[in-house]
Amino acid sequence: MIVHIVMFKFKEENKAFNIAKVKAKLENLEKSIDVLKSIEVGINFNESDRAMDLSLYSTFATEEDLKIYATHEEHLKVVSFIKEVTIESKVVDYILE
């Protein structure tokens, strides 16, 4: 199984609204992208300077499925919006054995 984790730091302008909107958009991808096995989106409550604002944890059967997800039209629409409202993101992909 492939695990895909992304964390985002949002711009201050309309921050709470945009975090909630991105969370909903990401969660809705499960309905339209069949290679997406599971998705969990969490809003951070930790106020540390090191903290990010939102995290995405998703799983895929294969690396090829992750590539399909990454280039899927619906995913790219969400990515476009995320780029407008965030200042930073971090990603890690790994094989869960």
PDB file of N, CA and C in Angstrom:
ATOM      1  N   MET A   1       0.848  -1.183   0.000  1.00  0.00           N
ATOM      2  CA  MET A   1       0.000   0.000   0.000  1.00  0.00           C
ATOM      3  C   MET A   1       0.891   1.243   0.000  1.00  0.00           C
ATOM      4  N   ILE A   2       0.460   2.259  -0.705  1.00  0.00           N
ATOM      5  CA  ILE A   2       1.161   3.528  -0.801  1.00  0.00           C
ATOM      6  C   ILE A   2       0.462   4.550   0.087  1.00  0.00           C
ATOM      7  N   VAL A   3       1.244   5.253   0.899  1.00  0.00           N
ATOM      8  CA  VAL A   3       0.715   6.324   1.744  1.00  0.00           C
ATOM      9  C   VAL A   3       1.231   7.650   1.199  1.00  0.00           C
ATOM     10  N   HIS A   4       0.330   8.597   1.072  1.00  0.00           N
ATOM     11  CA  HIS A   4       0.632   9.938   0.555  1.00  0.00           C
ATOM     12  C   HIS A   4       0.182  10.939   1.610  1.00  0.00           C
ATOM     13  N   ILE A   5       1.140  11.690   2.164  1.00  0.00           N
ATOM     14  CA  ILE A   5       0.830  12.674   3.202  1.00  0.00           C
ATOM     15  C   ILE A   5       1.268  14.050   2.706  1.00  0.00           C
ATOM     16  N   VAL A   6       0.387  15.023   2.840  1.00  0.00           N
ATOM     17  CA  VAL A   6       0.710  16.404   2.485  1.00  0.00           C
ATOM     18  C   VAL A   6       0.258  17.304   3.632  1.00  0.00           C
ATOM     19  N   MET A   7       1.089  18.290   3.961  1.00  0.00           N
ATOM     20  CA  MET A   7       0.736  19.277   4.984  1.00  0.00           C
ATOM     21  C   MET A   7       0.815  20.660   4.358  1.00  0.00           C
ATOM     22  N   PHE A   8      -0.117  21.525   4.760  1.00  0.00           N
ATOM     23  CA  PHE A   8      -0.232  22.852   4.162  1.00  0.00           C
ATOM     24  C   PHE A   8      -0.202  23.947   5.223  1.00  0.00           C
ATOM     25  N   LYS A   9       0.420  25.056   4.878  1.00  0.00           N
ATOM     26  CA  LYS A   9       0.352  26.282   5.673  1.00  0.00           C
ATOM     27  C   LYS A   9      -0.386  27.303   4.813  1.00  0.00           C
ATOM     28  N   PHE A  10      -1.426  27.901   5.391  1.00  0.00           N
ATOM     29  CA  PHE A  10      -2.317  28.794   4.650  1.00  0.00           C
ATOM     30  C   PHE A  10      -1.955  30.260   4.836  1.00  0.00           C
ATOM     31  N   LYS A  11      -2.298  31.047   3.837  1.00  0.00           N
ATOM     32  CA  LYS A  11      -2.189  32.500   3.944  1.00  0.00           C
ATOM     33  C   LYS A  11      -3.150  32.966   5.036  1.00  0.00           C
ATOM     34  N   GLU A  12      -2.853  34.089   5.659  1.00  0.00           N
ATOM     35  CA  GLU A  12      -3.690  34.603   6.746  1.00  0.00           C
ATOM     36  C   GLU A  12      -5.060  35.100   6.259  1.00  0.00           C
ATOM     37  N   GLU A  13      -5.113  35.631   5.049  1.00  0.00           N
ATOM     38  CA  GLU A  13      -6.367  36.170   4.517  1.00  0.00           C
ATOM     39  C   GLU A  13      -7.412  35.058   4.384  1.00  0.00           C
ATOM     40  N   ASN A  14      -8.551  35.224   5.042  1.00  0.00           N
ATOM     41  CA  ASN A  14      -9.663  34.253   5.017  1.00  0.00           C
ATOM     42  C   ASN A  14      -9.207  32.844   5.405  1.00  0.00           C
ATOM     43  N   LYS A  15      -8.279  32.759   6.320  1.00  0.00           N
ATOM     44  CA  LYS A  15      -7.621  31.496   6.658  1.00  0.00           C
ATOM     45  C   LYS A  15      -8.602  30.397   7.080  1.00  0.00           C
ATOM     46  N   ALA A  16      -9.423  30.663   8.055  1.00  0.00           N
ATOM     47  CA  ALA A  16     -10.331  29.621   8.559  1.00  0.00           C
ATOM     48  C   ALA A  16     -11.290  29.155   7.461  1.00  0.00           C
ATOM     49  N   PHE A  17     -11.820  30.095   6.708  1.00  0.00           N
ATOM     50  CA  PHE A  17     -12.741  29.762   5.609  1.00  0.00           C
ATOM     51  C   PHE A  17     -12.036  28.893   4.572  1.00  0.00           C
ATOM     52  N   ASN A  18     -10.828  29.292   4.178  1.00  0.00           N
ATOM     53  CA  ASN A  18     -10.100  28.547   3.145  1.00  0.00           C
ATOM     54  C   ASN A  18      -9.678  27.168   3.618  1.00  0.00           C
ATOM     55  N   ILE A  19      -9.307  27.040   4.877  1.00  0.00           N
ATOM     56  CA  ILE A  19      -8.968  25.724   5.422  1.00  0.00           C
ATOM     57  C   ILE A  19     -10.185  24.797   5.340  1.00  0.00           C
ATOM     58  N   ALA A  20     -11.332  25.289   5.767  1.00  0.00           N
ATOM     59  CA  ALA A  20     -12.554  24.478   5.721  1.00  0.00           C
ATOM     60  C   ALA A  20     -12.918  24.116   4.278  1.00  0.00           C
ATOM     61  N   LYS A  21     -12.742  25.054   3.363  1.00  0.00           N
ATOM     62  CA  LYS A  21     -13.069  24.813   1.961  1.00  0.00           C
ATOM     63  C   LYS A  21     -12.141  23.763   1.356  1.00  0.00           C
ATOM     64  N   VAL A  22     -10.854  23.861   1.634  1.00  0.00           N
ATOM     65  CA  VAL A  22      -9.905  22.880   1.116  1.00  0.00           C
ATOM     66  C   VAL A  22     -10.187  21.504   1.709  1.00  0.00           C
ATOM     67  N   LYS A  23     -10.497  21.450   2.989  1.00  0.00           N
ATOM     68  CA  LYS A  23     -10.824  20.166   3.631  1.00  0.00           C
ATOM     69  C   LYS A  23     -11.987  19.501   2.900  1.00  0.00           C
ATOM     70  N   ALA A  24     -13.046  20.246   2.648  1.00  0.00           N
ATOM     71  CA  ALA A  24     -14.218  19.692   1.958  1.00  0.00           C
ATOM     72  C   ALA A  24     -13.869  19.255   0.540  1.00  0.00           C
ATOM     73  N   LYS A  25     -13.111  20.073  -0.172  1.00  0.00           N
ATOM     74  CA  LYS A  25     -12.734  19.735  -1.546  1.00  0.00           C
ATOM     75  C   LYS A  25     -11.895  18.453  -1.589  1.00  0.00           C
ATOM     76  N   LEU A  26     -10.947  18.336  -0.683  1.00  0.00           N
ATOM     77  CA  LEU A  26     -10.113  17.137  -0.648  1.00  0.00           C
ATOM     78  C   LEU A  26     -10.943  15.902  -0.308  1.00  0.00           C
ATOM     79  N   GLU A  27     -11.803  16.007   0.676  1.00  0.00           N
ATOM     80  CA  GLU A  27     -12.627  14.858   1.068  1.00  0.00           C
ATOM     81  C   GLU A  27     -13.561  14.425  -0.053  1.00  0.00           C
ATOM     82  N   ASN A  28     -14.016  15.367  -0.864  1.00  0.00           N
ATOM     83  CA  ASN A  28     -14.909  15.039  -1.983  1.00  0.00           C
ATOM     84  C   ASN A  28     -14.208  14.276  -3.102  1.00  0.00           C
ATOM     85  N   LEU A  29     -12.884  14.302  -3.134  1.00  0.00           N
ATOM     86  CA  LEU A  29     -12.158  13.579  -4.175  1.00  0.00           C
ATOM     87  C   LEU A  29     -12.398  12.074  -4.108  1.00  0.00           C
ATOM     88  N   GLU A  30     -12.703  11.578  -2.929  1.00  0.00           N
ATOM     89  CA  GLU A  30     -12.935  10.136  -2.759  1.00  0.00           C
ATOM     90  C   GLU A  30     -14.110   9.663  -3.621  1.00  0.00           C
ATOM     91  N   LYS A  31     -15.054  10.556  -3.888  1.00  0.00           N
ATOM     92  CA  LYS A  31     -16.228  10.206  -4.695  1.00  0.00           C
ATOM     93  C   LYS A  31     -15.905  10.137  -6.185  1.00  0.00           C
ATOM     94  N   SER A  32     -14.889  10.873  -6.630  1.00  0.00           N
ATOM     95  CA  SER A  32     -14.652  10.984  -8.066  1.00  0.00           C
ATOM     96  C   SER A  32     -13.369  10.320  -8.561  1.00  0.00           C
ATOM     97  N   ILE A  33     -12.514   9.859  -7.646  1.00  0.00           N
ATOM     98  CA  ILE A  33     -11.253   9.231  -8.066  1.00  0.00           C
ATOM     99  C   ILE A  33     -11.207   7.826  -7.482  1.00  0.00           C
ATOM    100  N   ASP A  34     -11.477   6.844  -8.332  1.00  0.00           N
ATOM    101  CA  ASP A  34     -11.644   5.478  -7.830  1.00  0.00           C
ATOM    102  C   ASP A  34     -10.351   4.834  -7.329  1.00  0.00           C
ATOM    103  N   VAL A  35      -9.177   5.314  -7.757  1.00  0.00           N
ATOM    104  CA  VAL A  35      -7.925   4.729  -7.264  1.00  0.00           C
ATOM    105  C   VAL A  35      -7.571   5.192  -5.852  1.00  0.00           C
ATOM    106  N   LEU A  36      -8.275   6.185  -5.354  1.00  0.00           N
ATOM    107  CA  LEU A  36      -8.070   6.702  -4.000  1.00  0.00           C
ATOM    108  C   LEU A  36      -8.755   5.748  -3.022  1.00  0.00           C
ATOM    109  N   LYS A  37      -7.940   4.958  -2.297  1.00  0.00           N
ATOM    110  CA  LYS A  37      -8.491   3.952  -1.383  1.00  0.00           C
ATOM    111  C   LYS A  37      -9.083   4.581  -0.134  1.00  0.00           C
ATOM    112  N   SER A  38      -8.373   5.560   0.439  1.00  0.00           N
ATOM    113  CA  SER A  38      -8.878   6.236   1.632  1.00  0.00           C
ATOM    114  C   SER A  38      -8.269   7.627   1.703  1.00  0.00           C
ATOM    115  N   ILE A  39      -8.973   8.495   2.416  1.00  0.00           N
ATOM    116  CA  ILE A  39      -8.479   9.853   2.603  1.00  0.00           C
ATOM    117  C   ILE A  39      -8.922  10.351   3.978  1.00  0.00           C
ATOM    118  N   GLU A  40      -8.011  11.037   4.633  1.00  0.00           N
ATOM    119  CA  GLU A  40      -8.296  11.652   5.931  1.00  0.00           C
ATOM    120  C   GLU A  40      -7.688  13.044   5.893  1.00  0.00           C
ATOM    121  N   VAL A  41      -8.498  14.034   6.213  1.00  0.00           N
ATOM    122  CA  VAL A  41      -8.029  15.416   6.201  1.00  0.00           C
ATOM    123  C   VAL A  41      -8.244  15.996   7.589  1.00  0.00           C
ATOM    124  N   GLY A  42      -7.176  16.537   8.183  1.00  0.00           N
ATOM    125  CA  GLY A  42      -7.266  17.058   9.545  1.00  0.00           C
ATOM    126  C   GLY A  42      -6.853  18.511   9.618  1.00  0.00           C
ATOM    127  N   ILE A  43      -7.597  19.262  10.433  1.00  0.00           N
ATOM    128  CA  ILE A  43      -7.290  20.672  10.692  1.00  0.00           C
ATOM    129  C   ILE A  43      -6.501  20.752  11.989  1.00  0.00           C
ATOM    130  N   ASN A  44      -5.366  21.383  11.940  1.00  0.00           N
ATOM    131  CA  ASN A  44      -4.473  21.491  13.081  1.00  0.00           C
ATOM    132  C   ASN A  44      -5.045  22.374  14.200  1.00  0.00           C
ATOM    133  N   PHE A  45      -4.755  21.998  15.448  1.00  0.00           N
ATOM    134  CA  PHE A  45      -5.096  22.861  16.586  1.00  0.00           C
ATOM    135  C   PHE A  45      -3.840  23.269  17.370  1.00  0.00           C
ATOM    136  N   ASN A  46      -2.681  22.735  17.009  1.00  0.00           N
ATOM    137  CA  ASN A  46      -1.418  23.030  17.675  1.00  0.00           C
ATOM    138  C   ASN A  46      -0.931  24.418  17.253  1.00  0.00           C
ATOM    139  N   GLU A  47      -0.598  25.271  18.210  1.00  0.00           N
ATOM    140  CA  GLU A  47      -0.204  26.643  17.905  1.00  0.00           C
ATOM    141  C   GLU A  47       1.311  26.847  17.836  1.00  0.00           C
ATOM    142  N   SER A  48       2.058  25.781  17.762  1.00  0.00           N
ATOM    143  CA  SER A  48       3.510  25.858  17.658  1.00  0.00           C
ATOM    144  C   SER A  48       3.932  26.560  16.362  1.00  0.00           C
ATOM    145  N   ASP A  49       5.058  27.235  16.396  1.00  0.00           N
ATOM    146  CA  ASP A  49       5.596  27.868  15.196  1.00  0.00           C
ATOM    147  C   ASP A  49       5.906  26.841  14.110  1.00  0.00           C
ATOM    148  N   ARG A  50       6.177  25.619  14.510  1.00  0.00           N
ATOM    149  CA  ARG A  50       6.492  24.557  13.546  1.00  0.00           C
ATOM    150  C   ARG A  50       5.257  23.939  12.919  1.00  0.00           C
ATOM    151  N   ALA A  51       4.090  24.228  13.437  1.00  0.00           N
ATOM    152  CA  ALA A  51       2.862  23.565  13.012  1.00  0.00           C
ATOM    153  C   ALA A  51       2.402  24.025  11.635  1.00  0.00           C
ATOM    154  N   MET A  52       1.834  23.087  10.908  1.00  0.00           N
ATOM    155  CA  MET A  52       1.164  23.376   9.650  1.00  0.00           C
ATOM    156  C   MET A  52      -0.329  23.487   9.959  1.00  0.00           C
ATOM    157  N   ASP A  53      -1.107  23.968   8.999  1.00  0.00           N
ATOM    158  CA  ASP A  53      -2.528  24.239   9.252  1.00  0.00           C
ATOM    159  C   ASP A  53      -3.457  23.074   8.934  1.00  0.00           C
ATOM    160  N   LEU A  54      -3.110  22.272   7.946  1.00  0.00           N
ATOM    161  CA  LEU A  54      -3.997  21.202   7.496  1.00  0.00           C
ATOM    162  C   LEU A  54      -3.143  20.050   6.992  1.00  0.00           C
ATOM    163  N   SER A  55      -3.583  18.827   7.248  1.00  0.00           N
ATOM    164  CA  SER A  55      -2.854  17.672   6.738  1.00  0.00           C
ATOM    165  C   SER A  55      -3.791  16.747   5.980  1.00  0.00           C
ATOM    166  N   LEU A  56      -3.215  16.081   5.000  1.00  0.00           N
ATOM    167  CA  LEU A  56      -3.921  15.112   4.172  1.00  0.00           C
ATOM    168  C   LEU A  56      -3.186  13.786   4.301  1.00  0.00           C
ATOM    169  N   TYR A  57      -3.912  12.732   4.613  1.00  0.00           N
ATOM    170  CA  TYR A  57      -3.365  11.382   4.667  1.00  0.00           C
ATOM    171  C   TYR A  57      -4.220  10.545   3.729  1.00  0.00           C
ATOM    172  N   SER A  58      -3.612  10.014   2.680  1.00  0.00           N
ATOM    173  CA  SER A  58      -4.374   9.214   1.727  1.00  0.00           C
ATOM    174  C   SER A  58      -3.608   7.952   1.373  1.00  0.00           C
ATOM    175  N   THR A  59      -4.348   6.928   0.921  1.00  0.00           N
ATOM    176  CA  THR A  59      -3.723   5.659   0.586  1.00  0.00           C
ATOM    177  C   THR A  59      -4.143   5.205  -0.805  1.00  0.00           C
ATOM    178  N   PHE A  60      -3.217   4.432  -1.416  1.00  0.00           N
ATOM    179  CA  PHE A  60      -3.400   3.924  -2.769  1.00  0.00           C
ATOM    180  C   PHE A  60      -2.861   2.504  -2.823  1.00  0.00           C
ATOM    181  N   ALA A  61      -3.376   1.711  -3.727  1.00  0.00           N
ATOM    182  CA  ALA A  61      -2.914   0.325  -3.847  1.00  0.00           C
ATOM    183  C   ALA A  61      -1.504   0.258  -4.411  1.00  0.00           C
ATOM    184  N   THR A  62      -1.182   1.139  -5.367  1.00  0.00           N
ATOM    185  CA  THR A  62       0.110   1.070  -6.052  1.00  0.00           C
ATOM    186  C   THR A  62       0.652   2.480  -6.308  1.00  0.00           C
ATOM    187  N   GLU A  63       1.929   2.544  -6.656  1.00  0.00           N
ATOM    188  CA  GLU A  63       2.520   3.823  -7.038  1.00  0.00           C
ATOM    189  C   GLU A  63       1.860   4.360  -8.306  1.00  0.00           C
ATOM    190  N   GLU A  64       1.485   3.469  -9.210  1.00  0.00           N
ATOM    191  CA  GLU A  64       0.787   3.880 -10.432  1.00  0.00           C
ATOM    192  C   GLU A  64      -0.546   4.547 -10.091  1.00  0.00           C
ATOM    193  N   ASP A  65      -1.263   4.020  -9.108  1.00  0.00           N
ATOM    194  CA  ASP A  65      -2.522   4.639  -8.688  1.00  0.00           C
ATOM    195  C   ASP A  65      -2.290   6.038  -8.133  1.00  0.00           C
ATOM    196  N   LEU A  66      -1.207   6.229  -7.397  1.00  0.00           N
ATOM    197  CA  LEU A  66      -0.864   7.562  -6.899  1.00  0.00           C
ATOM    198  C   LEU A  66      -0.607   8.515  -8.063  1.00  0.00           C
ATOM    199  N   LYS A  67       0.068   8.040  -9.093  1.00  0.00           N
ATOM    200  CA  LYS A  67       0.317   8.873 -10.280  1.00  0.00           C
ATOM    201  C   LYS A  67      -0.990   9.232 -10.985  1.00  0.00           C
ATOM    202  N   ILE A  68      -1.901   8.279 -11.066  1.00  0.00           N
ATOM    203  CA  ILE A  68      -3.212   8.547 -11.672  1.00  0.00           C
ATOM    204  C   ILE A  68      -3.936   9.625 -10.879  1.00  0.00           C
ATOM    205  N   TYR A  69      -3.924   9.493  -9.565  1.00  0.00           N
ATOM    206  CA  TYR A  69      -4.538  10.495  -8.679  1.00  0.00           C
ATOM    207  C   TYR A  69      -3.903  11.863  -8.887  1.00  0.00           C
ATOM    208  N   ALA A  70      -2.582  11.912  -8.932  1.00  0.00           N
ATOM    209  CA  ALA A  70      -1.859  13.178  -9.038  1.00  0.00           C
ATOM    210  C   ALA A  70      -2.189  13.934 -10.313  1.00  0.00           C
ATOM    211  N   THR A  71      -2.526  13.221 -11.369  1.00  0.00           N
ATOM    212  CA  THR A  71      -2.808  13.867 -12.649  1.00  0.00           C
ATOM    213  C   THR A  71      -4.304  13.890 -12.996  1.00  0.00           C
ATOM    214  N   HIS A  72      -5.131  13.386 -12.103  1.00  0.00           N
ATOM    215  CA  HIS A  72      -6.583  13.345 -12.342  1.00  0.00           C
ATOM    216  C   HIS A  72      -7.146  14.766 -12.393  1.00  0.00           C
ATOM    217  N   GLU A  73      -8.037  15.001 -13.328  1.00  0.00           N
ATOM    218  CA  GLU A  73      -8.622  16.330 -13.541  1.00  0.00           C
ATOM    219  C   GLU A  73      -9.240  16.920 -12.267  1.00  0.00           C
ATOM    220  N   GLU A  74      -9.968  16.128 -11.514  1.00  0.00           N
ATOM    221  CA  GLU A  74     -10.610  16.633 -10.296  1.00  0.00           C
ATOM    222  C   GLU A  74      -9.567  17.010  -9.245  1.00  0.00           C
ATOM    223  N   HIS A  75      -8.524  16.214  -9.119  1.00  0.00           N
ATOM    224  CA  HIS A  75      -7.447  16.524  -8.179  1.00  0.00           C
ATOM    225  C   HIS A  75      -6.749  17.812  -8.586  1.00  0.00           C
ATOM    226  N   LEU A  76      -6.482  17.978  -9.864  1.00  0.00           N
ATOM    227  CA  LEU A  76      -5.793  19.171 -10.345  1.00  0.00           C
ATOM    228  C   LEU A  76      -6.602  20.442 -10.091  1.00  0.00           C
ATOM    229  N   LYS A  77      -7.925  20.346 -10.136  1.00  0.00           N
ATOM    230  CA  LYS A  77      -8.777  21.501  -9.802  1.00  0.00           C
ATOM    231  C   LYS A  77      -8.573  21.907  -8.341  1.00  0.00           C
ATOM    232  N   VAL A  78      -8.518  20.929  -7.463  1.00  0.00           N
ATOM    233  CA  VAL A  78      -8.308  21.206  -6.039  1.00  0.00           C
ATOM    234  C   VAL A  78      -6.907  21.781  -5.817  1.00  0.00           C
ATOM    235  N   VAL A  79      -5.919  21.197  -6.470  1.00  0.00           N
ATOM    236  CA  VAL A  79      -4.544  21.687  -6.348  1.00  0.00           C
ATOM    237  C   VAL A  79      -4.452  23.153  -6.778  1.00  0.00           C
ATOM    238  N   SER A  80      -5.145  23.496  -7.835  1.00  0.00           N
ATOM    239  CA  SER A  80      -5.133  24.880  -8.313  1.00  0.00           C
ATOM    240  C   SER A  80      -5.642  25.839  -7.244  1.00  0.00           C
ATOM    241  N   PHE A  81      -6.741  25.478  -6.597  1.00  0.00           N
ATOM    242  CA  PHE A  81      -7.283  26.327  -5.524  1.00  0.00           C
ATOM    243  C   PHE A  81      -6.333  26.368  -4.333  1.00  0.00           C
ATOM    244  N   ILE A  82      -5.778  25.216  -3.972  1.00  0.00           N
ATOM    245  CA  ILE A  82      -4.857  25.159  -2.836  1.00  0.00           C
ATOM    246  C   ILE A  82      -3.674  26.100  -3.058  1.00  0.00           C
ATOM    247  N   LYS A  83      -3.145  26.123  -4.254  1.00  0.00           N
ATOM    248  CA  LYS A  83      -2.009  26.998  -4.554  1.00  0.00           C
ATOM    249  C   LYS A  83      -2.357  28.479  -4.376  1.00  0.00           C
ATOM    250  N   GLU A  84      -3.616  28.830  -4.565  1.00  0.00           N
ATOM    251  CA  GLU A  84      -4.055  30.215  -4.400  1.00  0.00           C
ATOM    252  C   GLU A  84      -4.109  30.635  -2.930  1.00  0.00           C
ATOM    253  N   VAL A  85      -4.367  29.691  -2.028  1.00  0.00           N
ATOM    254  CA  VAL A  85      -4.650  30.051  -0.631  1.00  0.00           C
ATOM    255  C   VAL A  85      -3.587  29.595   0.366  1.00  0.00           C
ATOM    256  N   THR A  86      -2.531  28.940  -0.118  1.00  0.00           N
ATOM    257  CA  THR A  86      -1.476  28.476   0.780  1.00  0.00           C
ATOM    258  C   THR A  86      -0.154  29.171   0.481  1.00  0.00           C
ATOM    259  N   ILE A  87       0.734  29.115   1.481  1.00  0.00           N
ATOM    260  CA  ILE A  87       2.076  29.683   1.293  1.00  0.00           C
ATOM    261  C   ILE A  87       3.145  28.604   1.300  1.00  0.00           C
ATOM    262  N   GLU A  88       2.781  27.413   1.757  1.00  0.00           N
ATOM    263  CA  GLU A  88       3.770  26.345   1.858  1.00  0.00           C
ATOM    264  C   GLU A  88       3.083  24.993   1.926  1.00  0.00           C
ATOM    265  N   SER A  89       3.753  23.988   1.387  1.00  0.00           N
ATOM    266  CA  SER A  89       3.282  22.613   1.548  1.00  0.00           C
ATOM    267  C   SER A  89       4.486  21.686   1.627  1.00  0.00           C
ATOM    268  N   LYS A  90       4.278  20.564   2.278  1.00  0.00           N
ATOM    269  CA  LYS A  90       5.293  19.517   2.413  1.00  0.00           C
ATOM    270  C   LYS A  90       4.629  18.193   2.081  1.00  0.00           C
ATOM    271  N   VAL A  91       5.383  17.289   1.488  1.00  0.00           N
ATOM    272  CA  VAL A  91       4.812  16.001   1.099  1.00  0.00           C
ATOM    273  C   VAL A  91       5.766  14.869   1.458  1.00  0.00           C
ATOM    274  N   VAL A  92       5.190  13.714   1.741  1.00  0.00           N
ATOM    275  CA  VAL A  92       5.964  12.479   1.887  1.00  0.00           C
ATOM    276  C   VAL A  92       5.099  11.342   1.320  1.00  0.00           C
ATOM    277  N   ASP A  93       5.745  10.483   0.536  1.00  0.00           N
ATOM    278  CA  ASP A  93       5.101   9.296  -0.015  1.00  0.00           C
ATOM    279  C   ASP A  93       5.956   8.094   0.387  1.00  0.00           C
ATOM    280  N   TYR A  94       5.297   7.035   0.845  1.00  0.00           N
ATOM    281  CA  TYR A  94       6.064   5.855   1.222  1.00  0.00           C
ATOM    282  C   TYR A  94       5.239   4.583   1.042  1.00  0.00           C
ATOM    283  N   ILE A  95       5.958   3.478   1.025  1.00  0.00           N
ATOM    284  CA  ILE A  95       5.321   2.181   0.910  1.00  0.00           C
ATOM    285  C   ILE A  95       5.106   1.633   2.306  1.00  0.00           C
ATOM    286  N   LEU A  96       3.870   1.289   2.603  1.00  0.00           N
ATOM    287  CA  LEU A  96       3.529   0.676   3.892  1.00  0.00           C
ATOM    288  C   LEU A  96       3.505  -0.830   3.688  1.00  0.00           C
ATOM    289  N   GLU A  97       4.407  -1.507   4.363  1.00  0.00           N
ATOM    290  CA  GLU A  97       4.506  -2.969   4.182  1.00  0.00           C
ATOM    291  C   GLU A  97       3.864  -3.719   5.307  1.00  0.00           C
TER     292      GLU A  97
END
